[in-house]
N, C-alpha and C. Protein backbone atom coordinates (compact mmCIF):
# COMPACT_ATOMS: atom_id res chain seq x y z
N MET A 1 -53.88 -14.74 31.68
CA MET A 1 -52.44 -14.83 31.59
C MET A 1 -52.00 -15.13 30.15
N GLU A 2 -52.77 -15.91 29.43
CA GLU A 2 -52.40 -16.22 28.04
C GLU A 2 -52.38 -14.95 27.20
N HIS A 3 -53.37 -14.08 27.40
CA HIS A 3 -53.40 -12.86 26.61
C HIS A 3 -52.23 -11.95 26.96
N LEU A 4 -51.91 -11.85 28.23
CA LEU A 4 -50.76 -11.04 28.66
C LEU A 4 -49.48 -11.60 28.03
N ARG A 5 -49.31 -12.92 28.03
CA ARG A 5 -48.15 -13.54 27.40
C ARG A 5 -48.08 -13.18 25.93
N TRP A 6 -49.22 -13.25 25.25
CA TRP A 6 -49.27 -12.93 23.82
C TRP A 6 -48.91 -11.47 23.57
N VAL A 7 -49.48 -10.55 24.36
CA VAL A 7 -49.19 -9.13 24.18
C VAL A 7 -47.70 -8.85 24.34
N ILE A 8 -47.12 -9.36 25.41
CA ILE A 8 -45.70 -9.11 25.66
C ILE A 8 -44.85 -9.73 24.55
N SER A 9 -45.22 -10.92 24.10
CA SER A 9 -44.50 -11.56 23.00
C SER A 9 -44.61 -10.74 21.72
N LYS A 10 -45.80 -10.28 21.41
CA LYS A 10 -46.02 -9.50 20.19
C LYS A 10 -45.22 -8.20 20.23
N LEU A 11 -45.22 -7.53 21.37
CA LEU A 11 -44.50 -6.26 21.48
C LEU A 11 -42.99 -6.45 21.45
N ALA A 12 -42.50 -7.65 21.74
CA ALA A 12 -41.07 -7.94 21.71
C ALA A 12 -40.58 -8.28 20.29
N GLN A 13 -41.50 -8.54 19.39
CA GLN A 13 -41.12 -8.91 18.03
C GLN A 13 -40.57 -7.70 17.28
N PRO A 14 -39.72 -7.95 16.30
CA PRO A 14 -39.25 -6.84 15.47
C PRO A 14 -40.41 -6.17 14.74
N GLY A 15 -40.29 -4.92 14.47
CA GLY A 15 -41.29 -4.21 13.68
C GLY A 15 -42.06 -3.16 14.44
N ASN A 16 -41.79 -3.03 15.73
CA ASN A 16 -42.48 -2.02 16.54
C ASN A 16 -44.00 -2.16 16.48
N TRP A 17 -44.48 -3.35 16.86
CA TRP A 17 -45.91 -3.59 16.89
C TRP A 17 -46.60 -2.58 17.79
N ARG A 18 -47.82 -2.21 17.41
CA ARG A 18 -48.59 -1.25 18.20
C ARG A 18 -50.08 -1.49 17.95
N TYR A 19 -50.87 -0.94 18.87
CA TYR A 19 -52.32 -1.07 18.78
C TYR A 19 -52.85 -0.19 17.65
N GLY A 20 -53.85 -0.68 16.96
CA GLY A 20 -54.57 0.10 15.96
C GLY A 20 -55.62 -0.75 15.30
N LYS A 21 -56.56 -0.09 14.65
CA LYS A 21 -57.62 -0.77 13.91
C LYS A 21 -57.62 -0.27 12.49
N PRO A 22 -57.83 -1.14 11.55
CA PRO A 22 -57.91 -2.59 11.69
C PRO A 22 -56.51 -3.19 11.79
N THR A 23 -56.45 -4.46 12.16
CA THR A 23 -55.16 -5.16 12.19
C THR A 23 -54.55 -5.10 10.79
N ASP A 24 -53.27 -4.74 10.75
CA ASP A 24 -52.52 -4.68 9.49
C ASP A 24 -51.13 -5.24 9.79
N LYS A 25 -50.98 -6.54 9.55
CA LYS A 25 -49.73 -7.22 9.91
C LYS A 25 -48.53 -6.65 9.18
N ALA A 26 -48.71 -6.21 7.94
CA ALA A 26 -47.60 -5.64 7.18
C ALA A 26 -47.09 -4.36 7.83
N SER A 27 -47.97 -3.63 8.49
CA SER A 27 -47.60 -2.38 9.17
C SER A 27 -47.38 -2.57 10.67
N CYS A 28 -47.44 -3.82 11.14
CA CYS A 28 -47.25 -4.15 12.57
C CYS A 28 -48.28 -3.45 13.46
N ILE A 29 -49.53 -3.48 13.01
CA ILE A 29 -50.65 -2.92 13.78
C ILE A 29 -51.58 -4.07 14.11
N HIS A 30 -52.00 -4.14 15.38
CA HIS A 30 -52.90 -5.23 15.77
C HIS A 30 -53.96 -4.70 16.73
N GLU A 31 -55.21 -5.00 16.42
CA GLU A 31 -56.31 -4.50 17.23
C GLU A 31 -56.52 -5.23 18.54
N ALA A 32 -55.78 -6.32 18.80
CA ALA A 32 -55.90 -7.03 20.06
C ALA A 32 -54.79 -6.66 21.05
N LEU A 33 -53.99 -5.67 20.73
CA LEU A 33 -52.96 -5.22 21.67
C LEU A 33 -53.61 -4.30 22.70
N LEU A 34 -54.38 -4.94 23.55
CA LEU A 34 -55.19 -4.27 24.58
C LEU A 34 -55.05 -5.03 25.89
N PRO A 35 -55.27 -4.35 27.02
CA PRO A 35 -55.31 -5.10 28.28
C PRO A 35 -56.55 -5.97 28.33
N TRP A 36 -56.47 -7.04 29.10
CA TRP A 36 -57.59 -7.98 29.23
C TRP A 36 -58.83 -7.29 29.80
N ARG A 37 -58.60 -6.45 30.79
CA ARG A 37 -59.72 -5.76 31.45
C ARG A 37 -59.40 -4.28 31.54
N SER A 38 -60.39 -3.50 31.91
CA SER A 38 -60.19 -2.07 32.12
C SER A 38 -59.21 -1.87 33.28
N MET A 39 -58.19 -1.07 33.06
CA MET A 39 -57.16 -0.86 34.07
C MET A 39 -56.77 0.61 34.11
N THR A 40 -56.36 1.06 35.29
CA THR A 40 -55.85 2.42 35.42
C THR A 40 -54.44 2.48 34.84
N GLU A 41 -53.96 3.68 34.59
CA GLU A 41 -52.59 3.84 34.10
C GLU A 41 -51.59 3.30 35.12
N GLU A 42 -51.89 3.46 36.38
CA GLU A 42 -51.00 2.95 37.43
C GLU A 42 -50.93 1.42 37.40
N GLU A 43 -52.09 0.78 37.21
CA GLU A 43 -52.12 -0.68 37.12
C GLU A 43 -51.35 -1.16 35.89
N LEU A 44 -51.55 -0.49 34.77
CA LEU A 44 -50.85 -0.87 33.55
C LEU A 44 -49.34 -0.71 33.71
N ALA A 45 -48.92 0.36 34.40
CA ALA A 45 -47.49 0.62 34.59
C ALA A 45 -46.82 -0.42 35.48
N GLN A 46 -47.60 -1.13 36.28
CA GLN A 46 -47.04 -2.19 37.11
C GLN A 46 -46.77 -3.46 36.29
N ILE A 47 -47.37 -3.56 35.13
CA ILE A 47 -47.24 -4.75 34.30
C ILE A 47 -46.35 -4.51 33.09
N PHE A 48 -46.51 -3.35 32.45
CA PHE A 48 -45.84 -3.07 31.19
C PHE A 48 -44.75 -2.02 31.35
N SER A 49 -43.71 -2.14 30.54
CA SER A 49 -42.66 -1.13 30.50
C SER A 49 -43.19 0.13 29.82
N PRO A 50 -42.50 1.26 29.96
CA PRO A 50 -42.95 2.47 29.26
C PRO A 50 -43.07 2.27 27.75
N GLY A 51 -42.13 1.56 27.15
CA GLY A 51 -42.20 1.30 25.71
C GLY A 51 -43.41 0.46 25.33
N GLN A 52 -43.69 -0.54 26.15
CA GLN A 52 -44.86 -1.39 25.89
C GLN A 52 -46.14 -0.57 26.06
N LEU A 53 -46.18 0.26 27.08
CA LEU A 53 -47.37 1.10 27.31
C LEU A 53 -47.64 2.02 26.14
N ALA A 54 -46.59 2.54 25.54
CA ALA A 54 -46.76 3.46 24.41
C ALA A 54 -47.40 2.75 23.21
N ALA A 55 -47.21 1.44 23.10
CA ALA A 55 -47.74 0.68 21.97
C ALA A 55 -49.10 0.06 22.25
N LEU A 56 -49.52 0.06 23.49
CA LEU A 56 -50.73 -0.64 23.92
C LEU A 56 -51.95 0.26 23.84
N GLY A 57 -53.08 -0.32 23.39
CA GLY A 57 -54.35 0.40 23.47
C GLY A 57 -54.83 0.41 24.91
N ARG A 58 -55.85 1.18 25.21
CA ARG A 58 -56.31 1.31 26.59
C ARG A 58 -57.66 0.68 26.86
N ASP A 59 -58.48 0.44 25.84
CA ASP A 59 -59.78 -0.19 26.07
C ASP A 59 -59.57 -1.63 26.50
N PRO A 60 -60.52 -2.21 27.22
CA PRO A 60 -60.41 -3.64 27.54
C PRO A 60 -60.63 -4.49 26.29
N LEU A 61 -60.02 -5.65 26.29
CA LEU A 61 -60.15 -6.58 25.17
C LEU A 61 -61.61 -6.98 24.99
N PRO A 62 -62.12 -6.96 23.76
CA PRO A 62 -63.51 -7.38 23.53
C PRO A 62 -63.72 -8.85 23.88
N GLU A 63 -64.93 -9.18 24.26
CA GLU A 63 -65.27 -10.54 24.70
C GLU A 63 -64.95 -11.59 23.64
N ALA A 64 -65.17 -11.30 22.37
CA ALA A 64 -64.88 -12.27 21.31
C ALA A 64 -63.39 -12.60 21.26
N GLU A 65 -62.55 -11.61 21.50
CA GLU A 65 -61.10 -11.85 21.52
C GLU A 65 -60.71 -12.63 22.78
N LYS A 66 -61.36 -12.35 23.89
CA LYS A 66 -61.09 -13.10 25.12
C LYS A 66 -61.40 -14.58 24.92
N GLU A 67 -62.47 -14.85 24.19
CA GLU A 67 -62.86 -16.24 23.97
C GLU A 67 -61.80 -16.99 23.16
N LYS A 68 -61.11 -16.32 22.25
CA LYS A 68 -60.02 -16.97 21.51
C LYS A 68 -58.94 -17.45 22.48
N ASP A 69 -58.59 -16.60 23.45
CA ASP A 69 -57.58 -16.99 24.44
C ASP A 69 -58.07 -18.13 25.31
N ARG A 70 -59.33 -18.07 25.73
CA ARG A 70 -59.89 -19.14 26.56
C ARG A 70 -59.86 -20.47 25.82
N GLU A 71 -60.21 -20.43 24.53
CA GLU A 71 -60.23 -21.67 23.74
C GLU A 71 -58.83 -22.26 23.62
N LEU A 72 -57.84 -21.43 23.42
CA LEU A 72 -56.47 -21.94 23.35
C LEU A 72 -56.07 -22.60 24.66
N VAL A 73 -56.39 -21.98 25.78
CA VAL A 73 -56.04 -22.55 27.08
C VAL A 73 -56.78 -23.87 27.30
N ARG A 74 -58.03 -23.95 26.88
CA ARG A 74 -58.79 -25.20 27.02
C ARG A 74 -58.15 -26.33 26.22
N ARG A 75 -57.47 -26.00 25.13
CA ARG A 75 -56.87 -27.01 24.27
C ARG A 75 -55.48 -27.45 24.71
N ILE A 76 -54.90 -26.80 25.70
CA ILE A 76 -53.53 -27.13 26.13
C ILE A 76 -53.39 -28.62 26.49
N PRO A 77 -54.27 -29.22 27.28
CA PRO A 77 -54.09 -30.66 27.58
C PRO A 77 -54.04 -31.52 26.32
N SER A 78 -54.88 -31.24 25.35
CA SER A 78 -54.90 -32.01 24.11
C SER A 78 -53.61 -31.78 23.32
N ILE A 79 -53.18 -30.55 23.24
CA ILE A 79 -51.94 -30.22 22.51
C ILE A 79 -50.76 -30.95 23.14
N LEU A 80 -50.66 -30.89 24.46
CA LEU A 80 -49.56 -31.57 25.15
C LEU A 80 -49.67 -33.08 25.01
N GLY A 81 -50.90 -33.60 25.03
CA GLY A 81 -51.10 -35.04 24.88
C GLY A 81 -50.58 -35.56 23.56
N ARG A 82 -50.68 -34.77 22.51
CA ARG A 82 -50.20 -35.19 21.19
C ARG A 82 -48.69 -35.40 21.14
N VAL A 83 -47.97 -34.78 22.07
CA VAL A 83 -46.51 -34.94 22.09
C VAL A 83 -46.05 -35.74 23.29
N GLY A 84 -47.01 -36.45 23.93
CA GLY A 84 -46.65 -37.39 24.97
C GLY A 84 -46.67 -36.87 26.40
N TYR A 85 -47.17 -35.69 26.62
CA TYR A 85 -47.26 -35.15 27.98
C TYR A 85 -48.66 -35.33 28.53
N THR A 86 -48.76 -35.31 29.85
CA THR A 86 -50.04 -35.39 30.53
C THR A 86 -50.12 -34.25 31.53
N VAL A 87 -51.27 -33.60 31.59
CA VAL A 87 -51.50 -32.55 32.57
C VAL A 87 -52.17 -33.20 33.78
N ILE A 88 -51.59 -32.97 34.96
CA ILE A 88 -52.19 -33.52 36.18
C ILE A 88 -52.38 -32.39 37.19
N ARG A 89 -53.39 -32.54 38.02
CA ARG A 89 -53.64 -31.58 39.08
C ARG A 89 -52.80 -31.98 40.29
N LEU A 90 -52.03 -31.05 40.79
CA LEU A 90 -51.24 -31.32 41.99
C LEU A 90 -52.12 -31.30 43.22
N GLU A 91 -51.81 -32.09 44.19
CA GLU A 91 -52.60 -32.13 45.42
C GLU A 91 -52.61 -30.74 46.04
N GLY A 92 -53.81 -30.28 46.39
CA GLY A 92 -53.96 -28.95 46.97
C GLY A 92 -54.01 -27.84 45.93
N GLY A 93 -53.84 -28.18 44.66
CA GLY A 93 -53.90 -27.19 43.58
C GLY A 93 -55.32 -26.86 43.21
N LYS A 94 -55.48 -25.76 42.55
CA LYS A 94 -56.82 -25.35 42.12
C LYS A 94 -57.02 -25.66 40.67
């Protein structure tokens, strides 16, 4: 979910961001504008708008890039703790 949030956020920024290699921020090209996993066009169309689909690459995100997202999510409790919040598990939650 973090990667999906990032992709949608990046595509909403000014500059018409799009997938490409190598990443070139000045040209609004980013090599991580990819789906998390391999998906059919039909699956992608259920998540992304036509404009977003046109800017998105089709290969699944490489494992090294996935690990960056995982690490950020692992750090959320610490980040929130620094500003006085606590993460708690709700009863019956996973």
